[in-house]
C-alpha atoms as a PDB file:
ATOM      1  CA  MET A   1     -11.553  -2.943 -24.421  1.00  0.00           C
ATOM      2  CA  THR A   2     -14.169  -2.828 -21.674  1.00  0.00           C
ATOM      3  CA  ARG A   3     -15.491   0.351 -20.113  1.00  0.00           C
ATOM      4  CA  TRP A   4     -13.434   0.049 -16.924  1.00  0.00           C
ATOM      5  CA  GLN A   5     -10.294  -0.683 -18.959  1.00  0.00           C
ATOM      6  CA  ARG A   6     -10.906   2.537 -20.900  1.00  0.00           C
ATOM      7  CA  TRP A   7     -11.246   4.384 -17.594  1.00  0.00           C
ATOM      8  CA  LEU A   8      -7.973   2.979 -16.330  1.00  0.00           C
ATOM      9  CA  THR A   9      -6.277   3.895 -19.581  1.00  0.00           C
ATOM     10  CA  ALA A  10      -7.612   7.435 -19.270  1.00  0.00           C
ATOM     11  CA  ALA A  11      -6.245   7.618 -15.746  1.00  0.00           C
ATOM     12  CA  ARG A  12      -2.846   6.608 -17.057  1.00  0.00           C
ATOM     13  CA  THR A  13      -2.569   8.683 -20.193  1.00  0.00           C
ATOM     14  CA  GLY A  14      -5.383  11.137 -20.527  1.00  0.00           C
ATOM     15  CA  HIS A  15      -8.038  13.110 -18.735  1.00  0.00           C
ATOM     16  CA  ALA A  16      -6.682  12.824 -15.209  1.00  0.00           C
ATOM     17  CA  GLY A  17      -3.128  13.532 -16.248  1.00  0.00           C
ATOM     18  CA  ASP A  18      -0.327  11.130 -17.079  1.00  0.00           C
ATOM     19  CA  VAL A  19       0.340   9.724 -13.639  1.00  0.00           C
ATOM     20  CA  THR A  20       2.461   6.734 -14.558  1.00  0.00           C
ATOM     21  CA  GLN A  21       4.857   7.607 -17.363  1.00  0.00           C
ATOM     22  CA  ARG A  22       8.432   7.921 -16.188  1.00  0.00           C
ATOM     23  CA  SER A  23      10.210  11.214 -16.765  1.00  0.00           C
ATOM     24  CA  PRO A  24      13.657  10.920 -15.188  1.00  0.00           C
ATOM     25  CA  TRP A  25      14.515  14.481 -16.133  1.00  0.00           C
ATOM     26  CA  GLN A  26      11.735  15.979 -14.038  1.00  0.00           C
ATOM     27  CA  SER A  27      12.591  17.753 -10.806  1.00  0.00           C
ATOM     28  CA  PRO A  28      11.614  16.149  -7.494  1.00  0.00           C
ATOM     29  CA  PHE A  29       8.965  18.825  -7.055  1.00  0.00           C
ATOM     30  CA  ALA A  30       7.447  18.055 -10.448  1.00  0.00           C
ATOM     31  CA  ARG A  31       7.429  14.331  -9.749  1.00  0.00           C
ATOM     32  CA  GLU A  32       5.693  14.750  -6.408  1.00  0.00           C
ATOM     33  CA  ALA A  33       3.211  17.256  -7.853  1.00  0.00           C
ATOM     34  CA  ARG A  34       1.640  14.264  -9.594  1.00  0.00           C
ATOM     35  CA  ALA A  35       0.011  13.268  -6.297  1.00  0.00           C
ATOM     36  CA  ALA A  36      -2.999  15.502  -7.041  1.00  0.00           C
ATOM     37  CA  PRO A  37      -3.697  14.004 -10.498  1.00  0.00           C
ATOM     38  CA  GLU A  38      -3.211  10.562  -8.975  1.00  0.00           C
ATOM     39  CA  LEU A  39      -5.963  11.314  -6.466  1.00  0.00           C
ATOM     40  CA  ALA A  40      -8.218  12.401  -9.337  1.00  0.00           C
ATOM     41  CA  SER A  41      -7.366   9.180 -11.151  1.00  0.00           C
ATOM     42  CA  PHE A  42      -8.257   7.153  -8.084  1.00  0.00           C
ATOM     43  CA  ALA A  43     -11.613   8.886  -7.784  1.00  0.00           C
ATOM     44  CA  MET A  44     -12.313   8.226 -11.467  1.00  0.00           C
ATOM     45  CA  THR A  45     -11.302   4.551 -11.436  1.00  0.00           C
ATOM     46  CA  ALA A  46     -12.409   3.449  -7.954  1.00  0.00           C
ATOM     47  CA  GLY A  47     -15.666   1.994  -9.223  1.00  0.00           C
ATOM     48  CA  PRO A  48     -14.090  -0.200 -11.906  1.00  0.00           C
ATOM     49  CA  LEU A  49     -11.331  -1.239  -9.499  1.00  0.00           C
ATOM     50  CA  LEU A  50     -13.907  -2.396  -6.962  1.00  0.00           C
ATOM     51  CA  VAL A  51     -15.513  -4.535  -9.645  1.00  0.00           C
ATOM     52  CA  VAL A  52     -12.313  -6.336 -10.651  1.00  0.00           C
ATOM     53  CA  SER A  53     -10.625  -6.623  -7.224  1.00  0.00           C
ATOM     54  CA  PRO A  54     -11.056  -9.755  -5.084  1.00  0.00           C
ATOM     55  CA  ARG A  55     -13.466  -9.465  -2.187  1.00  0.00           C
ATOM     56  CA  GLY A  56     -12.173  -9.263   1.366  1.00  0.00           C
ATOM     57  CA  ASP A  57     -12.913 -11.767   4.109  1.00  0.00           C
ATOM     58  CA  GLY A  58     -13.707  -9.219   6.810  1.00  0.00           C
ATOM     59  CA  HIS A  59     -10.425  -9.339   8.695  1.00  0.00           C
ATOM     60  CA  THR A  60      -8.984  -6.142  10.150  1.00  0.00           C
ATOM     61  CA  VAL A  61      -6.612  -4.066   8.017  1.00  0.00           C
ATOM     62  CA  ILE A  62      -4.774  -1.278   9.842  1.00  0.00           C
ATOM     63  CA  VAL A  63      -3.528   1.457   7.508  1.00  0.00           C
ATOM     64  CA  LEU A  64      -0.603   3.478   8.873  1.00  0.00           C
ATOM     65  CA  PRO A  65       0.168   6.994   7.569  1.00  0.00           C
ATOM     66  CA  GLY A  66       3.531   8.329   6.511  1.00  0.00           C
ATOM     67  CA  LEU A  67       5.690  10.888   8.293  1.00  0.00           C
ATOM     68  CA  GLY A  68       3.664  14.021   8.960  1.00  0.00           C
ATOM     69  CA  GLY A  69       0.433  12.351   7.894  1.00  0.00           C
ATOM     70  CA  ASP A  70      -2.582  11.274   9.907  1.00  0.00           C
ATOM     71  CA  ASP A  71      -5.636   9.118   9.300  1.00  0.00           C
ATOM     72  CA  ALA A  72      -7.088  11.672   6.885  1.00  0.00           C
ATOM     73  CA  SER A  73      -4.262  10.891   4.469  1.00  0.00           C
ATOM     74  CA  THR A  74      -5.191   7.195   4.358  1.00  0.00           C
ATOM     75  CA  ALA A  75      -8.946   7.749   4.064  1.00  0.00           C
ATOM     76  CA  PRO A  76      -9.183   6.991   0.304  1.00  0.00           C
ATOM     77  CA  LEU A  77      -7.396   3.641   0.630  1.00  0.00           C
ATOM     78  CA  ARG A  78      -9.358   2.698   3.745  1.00  0.00           C
ATOM     79  CA  TRP A  79     -12.622   3.556   1.963  1.00  0.00           C
ATOM     80  CA  PHE A  80     -11.603   1.316  -0.929  1.00  0.00           C
ATOM     81  CA  LEU A  81     -10.708  -1.607   1.343  1.00  0.00           C
ATOM     82  CA  THR A  82     -13.894  -1.187   3.365  1.00  0.00           C
ATOM     83  CA  ARG A  83     -15.945  -1.411   0.197  1.00  0.00           C
ATOM     84  CA  LEU A  84     -14.156  -4.646  -0.631  1.00  0.00           C
ATOM     85  CA  GLY A  85     -15.280  -6.140   2.666  1.00  0.00           C
ATOM     86  CA  TYR A  86     -12.403  -5.559   5.066  1.00  0.00           C
ATOM     87  CA  ARG A  87     -12.564  -3.886   8.452  1.00  0.00           C
ATOM     88  CA  ALA A  88     -10.172  -1.145   7.380  1.00  0.00           C
ATOM     89  CA  ILE A  89      -9.213   1.204  10.198  1.00  0.00           C
ATOM     90  CA  GLY A  90      -6.753   4.020  10.787  1.00  0.00           C
ATOM     91  CA  TRP A  91      -4.137   3.921  13.481  1.00  0.00           C
ATOM     92  CA  GLY A  92      -5.921   6.511  15.638  1.00  0.00           C
ATOM     93  CA  LEU A  93      -2.683   8.036  16.914  1.00  0.00           C
ATOM     94  CA  GLY A  94      -2.866  11.434  15.269  1.00  0.00           C
ATOM     95  CA  ARG A  95      -0.057  12.767  13.135  1.00  0.00           C
ATOM     96  CA  ASN A  96       2.868  10.435  12.506  1.00  0.00           C
ATOM     97  CA  VAL A  97       5.840  12.256  13.995  1.00  0.00           C
ATOM     98  CA  GLY A  98       8.154   9.296  14.508  1.00  0.00           C
ATOM     99  CA  PHE A  99       8.694   6.654  17.156  1.00  0.00           C
ATOM    100  CA  GLY A 100       8.034   6.399  20.870  1.00  0.00           C
ATOM    101  CA  ARG A 101       6.186   4.471  23.532  1.00  0.00           C
ATOM    102  CA  ARG A 102       2.850   6.025  22.579  1.00  0.00           C
ATOM    103  CA  VAL A 103       3.105   4.730  19.015  1.00  0.00           C
ATOM    104  CA  ALA A 104       4.368   1.291  20.025  1.00  0.00           C
ATOM    105  CA  GLY A 105       1.726   0.921  22.713  1.00  0.00           C
ATOM    106  CA  GLY A 106      -1.059   2.126  20.440  1.00  0.00           C
ATOM    107  CA  LEU A 107      -0.183  -0.290  17.658  1.00  0.00           C
ATOM    108  CA  ASP A 108       0.181  -3.181  20.080  1.00  0.00           C
ATOM    109  CA  GLU A 109      -3.276  -2.410  21.443  1.00  0.00           C
ATOM    110  CA  LEU A 110      -4.780  -2.317  17.946  1.00  0.00           C
ATOM    111  CA  LEU A 111      -3.251  -5.690  17.091  1.00  0.00           C
ATOM    112  CA  ALA A 112      -4.438  -7.166  20.380  1.00  0.00           C
ATOM    113  CA  ASP A 113      -7.983  -5.940  19.756  1.00  0.00           C
ATOM    114  CA  ALA A 114      -7.972  -7.340  16.209  1.00  0.00           C
ATOM    115  CA  SER A 115      -6.749 -10.703  17.425  1.00  0.00           C
ATOM    116  CA  THR A 116      -9.361 -11.175  20.157  1.00  0.00           C
ATOM    117  CA  ALA A 117     -11.506 -13.143  17.703  1.00  0.00           C
ATOM    118  CA  GLY A 118      -8.528 -15.235  16.648  1.00  0.00           C
ATOM    119  CA  ARG A 119      -7.978 -13.401  13.369  1.00  0.00           C
ATOM    120  CA  PRO A 120      -4.666 -11.568  13.009  1.00  0.00           C
ATOM    121  CA  ALA A 121      -4.721  -8.161  11.338  1.00  0.00           C
ATOM    122  CA  SER A 122      -2.982  -7.066   8.174  1.00  0.00           C
ATOM    123  CA  LEU A 123      -0.834  -3.925   8.195  1.00  0.00           C
ATOM    124  CA  VAL A 124      -0.580  -1.498   5.285  1.00  0.00           C
ATOM    125  CA  GLY A 125       2.087   1.122   5.940  1.00  0.00           C
ATOM    126  CA  TRP A 126       2.763   4.173   3.793  1.00  0.00           C
ATOM    127  CA  SER A 127       6.353   5.457   3.954  1.00  0.00           C
ATOM    128  CA  LEU A 128       7.341   5.640   7.650  1.00  0.00           C
ATOM    129  CA  GLY A 129       4.116   3.795   8.388  1.00  0.00           C
ATOM    130  CA  GLY A 130       5.709   0.734   6.810  1.00  0.00           C
ATOM    131  CA  VAL A 131       8.580   0.929   9.275  1.00  0.00           C
ATOM    132  CA  HIS A 132       6.061   1.088  12.118  1.00  0.00           C
ATOM    133  CA  ALA A 133       4.401  -1.993  10.615  1.00  0.00           C
ATOM    134  CA  PHE A 134       7.695  -3.898  10.692  1.00  0.00           C
ATOM    135  CA  GLU A 135       8.346  -2.931  14.289  1.00  0.00           C
ATOM    136  CA  ALA A 136       4.825  -3.887  15.386  1.00  0.00           C
ATOM    137  CA  ALA A 137       5.078  -7.241  13.618  1.00  0.00           C
ATOM    138  CA  ARG A 138       8.339  -8.003  15.370  1.00  0.00           C
ATOM    139  CA  ARG A 139       6.750  -7.248  18.749  1.00  0.00           C
ATOM    140  CA  ARG A 140       3.567  -9.200  18.020  1.00  0.00           C
ATOM    141  CA  PRO A 141       4.335 -11.657  15.193  1.00  0.00           C
ATOM    142  CA  HIS A 142       1.281 -13.795  15.878  1.00  0.00           C
ATOM    143  CA  GLY A 143      -0.993 -10.775  15.634  1.00  0.00           C
ATOM    144  CA  VAL A 144      -0.080  -9.935  12.034  1.00  0.00           C
ATOM    145  CA  ARG A 145      -1.364 -11.757   8.967  1.00  0.00           C
ATOM    146  CA  THR A 146       0.466  -9.860   6.227  1.00  0.00           C
ATOM    147  CA  ILE A 147       2.307  -6.567   5.643  1.00  0.00           C
ATOM    148  CA  VAL A 148       2.151  -4.301   2.616  1.00  0.00           C
ATOM    149  CA  THR A 149       4.409  -1.229   2.525  1.00  0.00           C
ATOM    150  CA  LEU A 150       4.147   1.745   0.183  1.00  0.00           C
ATOM    151  CA  GLY A 151       7.403   3.559  -0.568  1.00  0.00           C
ATOM    152  CA  SER A 152       8.820   2.727   2.857  1.00  0.00           C
ATOM    153  CA  PRO A 153      12.501   3.125   3.842  1.00  0.00           C
ATOM    154  CA  LEU A 154      13.215  -0.504   4.684  1.00  0.00           C
ATOM    155  CA  ALA A 155      16.998  -0.688   4.327  1.00  0.00           C
ATOM    156  CA  GLY A 156      18.454  -2.680   7.224  1.00  0.00           C
ATOM    157  CA  ARG A 157      14.998  -3.743   8.462  1.00  0.00           C
ATOM    158  CA  ARG A 158      13.460  -7.189   8.269  1.00  0.00           C
ATOM    159  CA  PRO A 159       9.937  -8.377   8.992  1.00  0.00           C
ATOM    160  CA  PRO A 160       9.508 -11.619  10.921  1.00  0.00           C
ATOM    161  CA  ALA A 161      10.717 -14.613   8.918  1.00  0.00           C
ATOM    162  CA  GLY A 162       7.993 -16.213   6.853  1.00  0.00           C
ATOM    163  CA  LEU A 163       5.495 -13.382   7.292  1.00  0.00           C
ATOM    164  CA  PRO A 164       3.967 -12.490   3.885  1.00  0.00           C
ATOM    165  CA  THR A 165       5.385  -9.068   3.104  1.00  0.00           C
ATOM    166  CA  THR A 166       5.070  -6.953  -0.033  1.00  0.00           C
ATOM    167  CA  SER A 167       7.004  -3.756  -0.662  1.00  0.00           C
ATOM    168  CA  ILE A 168       5.474  -1.498  -3.314  1.00  0.00           C
ATOM    169  CA  TYR A 169       7.882   1.132  -4.625  1.00  0.00           C
ATOM    170  CA  SER A 170       8.336   3.609  -7.460  1.00  0.00           C
ATOM    171  CA  GLN A 171      11.561   4.495  -9.199  1.00  0.00           C
ATOM    172  CA  THR A 172      10.158   8.014  -9.631  1.00  0.00           C
ATOM    173  CA  ASP A 173       9.678   8.424  -5.880  1.00  0.00           C
ATOM    174  CA  ALA A 174      11.293  11.781  -5.100  1.00  0.00           C
ATOM    175  CA  ILE A 175      11.226  11.392  -1.307  1.00  0.00           C
ATOM    176  CA  VAL A 176      12.374   7.862  -0.425  1.00  0.00           C
ATOM    177  CA  PRO A 177      15.122   6.469  -2.707  1.00  0.00           C
ATOM    178  CA  TRP A 178      13.529   3.464  -4.354  1.00  0.00           C
ATOM    179  CA  ARG A 179      16.423   1.114  -3.600  1.00  0.00           C
ATOM    180  CA  ALA A 180      15.856   1.770   0.105  1.00  0.00           C
ATOM    181  CA  SER A 181      12.382   0.259  -0.283  1.00  0.00           C
ATOM    182  CA  LEU A 182      13.591  -3.106  -1.564  1.00  0.00           C
ATOM    183  CA  LEU A 183      13.197  -6.163   0.619  1.00  0.00           C
ATOM    184  CA  GLU A 184      16.066  -8.625   0.649  1.00  0.00           C
ATOM    185  CA  PRO A 185      15.204 -11.951  -0.998  1.00  0.00           C
ATOM    186  CA  ALA A 186      13.398 -14.262   1.418  1.00  0.00           C
ATOM    187  CA  PRO A 187      10.480 -16.686   1.363  1.00  0.00           C
ATOM    188  CA  ARG A 188       7.121 -14.888   1.133  1.00  0.00           C
ATOM    189  CA  HIS A 189       8.759 -11.510   0.570  1.00  0.00           C
ATOM    190  CA  GLU A 190       8.405  -9.583  -2.684  1.00  0.00           C
ATOM    191  CA  ASN A 191       9.057  -6.183  -4.253  1.00  0.00           C
ATOM    192  CA  ILE A 192       6.587  -4.725  -6.762  1.00  0.00           C
ATOM    193  CA  GLU A 193       7.359  -1.646  -8.820  1.00  0.00           C
ATOM    194  CA  VAL A 194       4.686   0.851  -9.802  1.00  0.00           C
ATOM    195  CA  SER A 195       4.850   4.224 -11.496  1.00  0.00           C
ATOM    196  CA  GLY A 196       3.911   7.329  -9.571  1.00  0.00           C
ATOM    197  CA  SER A 197       4.861   9.797  -6.893  1.00  0.00           C
ATOM    198  CA  HIS A 198       5.655   9.088  -3.252  1.00  0.00           C
ATOM    199  CA  LEU A 199       2.886  11.372  -2.009  1.00  0.00           C
ATOM    200  CA  GLY A 200       0.395   9.668  -4.299  1.00  0.00           C
ATOM    201  CA  LEU A 201       1.055   6.052  -3.344  1.00  0.00           C
ATOM    202  CA  GLY A 202      -1.837   5.962  -0.903  1.00  0.00           C
ATOM    203  CA  HIS A 203      -4.341   6.774  -3.647  1.00  0.00           C
ATOM    204  CA  ASN A 204      -2.615   5.418  -6.753  1.00  0.00           C
ATOM    205  CA  PRO A 205      -5.056   3.158  -8.677  1.00  0.00           C
ATOM    206  CA  THR A 206      -2.385   0.578  -9.476  1.00  0.00           C
ATOM    207  CA  VAL A 207      -1.308   0.452  -5.831  1.00  0.00           C
ATOM    208  CA  ALA A 208      -4.925  -0.074  -4.752  1.00  0.00           C
ATOM    209  CA  LEU A 209      -5.203  -2.991  -7.164  1.00  0.00           C
ATOM    210  CA  ILE A 210      -2.044  -4.628  -5.774  1.00  0.00           C
ATOM    211  CA  VAL A 211      -2.989  -4.057  -2.138  1.00  0.00           C
ATOM    212  CA  ALA A 212      -6.398  -5.652  -2.722  1.00  0.00           C
ATOM    213  CA  ASP A 213      -4.786  -8.662  -4.386  1.00  0.00           C
ATOM    214  CA  ARG A 214      -2.253  -9.187  -1.605  1.00  0.00           C
ATOM    215  CA  LEU A 215      -4.772  -8.847   1.231  1.00  0.00           C
ATOM    216  CA  ALA A 216      -7.107 -11.379  -0.383  1.00  0.00           C
ATOM    217  CA  GLN A 217      -4.640 -14.233  -0.005  1.00  0.00           C
ATOM    218  CA  ARG A 218      -5.729 -16.815   2.528  1.00  0.00           C
ATOM    219  CA  PRO A 219      -3.368 -17.629   5.396  1.00  0.00           C
ATOM    220  CA  GLY A 220      -0.907 -20.294   4.344  1.00  0.00           C
ATOM    221  CA  GLU A 221      -1.652 -19.871   0.625  1.00  0.00           C
ATOM    222  CA  TRP A 222       0.786 -17.116  -0.301  1.00  0.00           C
ATOM    223  CA  ARG A 223       1.793 -16.740  -3.940  1.00  0.00           C
ATOM    224  CA  PRO A 224       3.909 -14.021  -5.580  1.00  0.00           C
ATOM    225  CA  PHE A 225       1.912 -11.259  -7.207  1.00  0.00           C
ATOM    226  CA  THR A 226       0.960 -11.955 -10.809  1.00  0.00           C
ATOM    227  CA  PRO A 227      -0.931  -9.059 -12.403  1.00  0.00           C
ATOM    228  CA  PRO A 228      -3.924  -9.845 -14.585  1.00  0.00           C
ATOM    229  CA  ARG A 229      -3.108  -9.511 -18.263  1.00  0.00           C
ATOM    230  CA  TRP A 230      -5.262  -6.404 -18.630  1.00  0.00           C
ATOM    231  CA  ALA A 231      -3.449  -4.708 -15.721  1.00  0.00           C
ATOM    232  CA  ARG A 232       0.083  -5.244 -17.011  1.00  0.00           C
ATOM    233  CA  ARG A 233      -0.067  -2.089 -19.106  1.00  0.00           C
ATOM    234  CA  PHE A 234      -0.261  -0.089 -15.871  1.00  0.00           C
ATOM    235  CA  LEU A 235       2.936  -1.553 -14.400  1.00  0.00           C
ATOM    236  CA  PRO A 236       6.500  -0.630 -15.423  1.00  0.00           C
ATOM    237  CA  ALA A 237       8.142  -3.036 -17.819  1.00  0.00           C
ATOM    238  CA  ALA A 238      10.254  -5.625 -16.052  1.00  0.00           C
END
């Protein structure tokens, strides 16, 4: 076992707290309290994750916060993606309090700016941020390269047909029922289960690994996510 594998194992089962083991009997509060240890795990494993994750190609990645969150909440993930070589930016619209013309207009402007050089942006949306990502992609389908959602309530919502879309969810999510995060079967759409809390998805080491893998796909070369053999221990059993 290499050094970074030992660090990831520690993040899962040891020094930073057991952030991935399922405990169905725990209360919602206890499950969501894992967000703090998950942040500690991310800080501890970020270096090794940067080493093993594919490098970015410099395209813009817009990271959208969840309900009640702002760009500060997505700072760890944006830092990680920036280090990989992406132009990772926040949405710049303050606290996410729902829908409205200001949000729609702001996201449309961000996508337009990202596309001026002929390179569509990717959208990573946490919780309600994933719903905003879907809505923005429907308004500007040619401005979006791929969508990744984290614990988002997607029931009854569809991204544009054929747009690479990945929904990451946790069955121990105590805020958004995990079944509501499942995409209906469609080409280039996939659901990936992780272990962890809803409030920790934005800085969960396993989530960061998956997001990096999905964003690294070249346009027109989409493949379903296949975790490296060493990483399979960190994902729930199928």
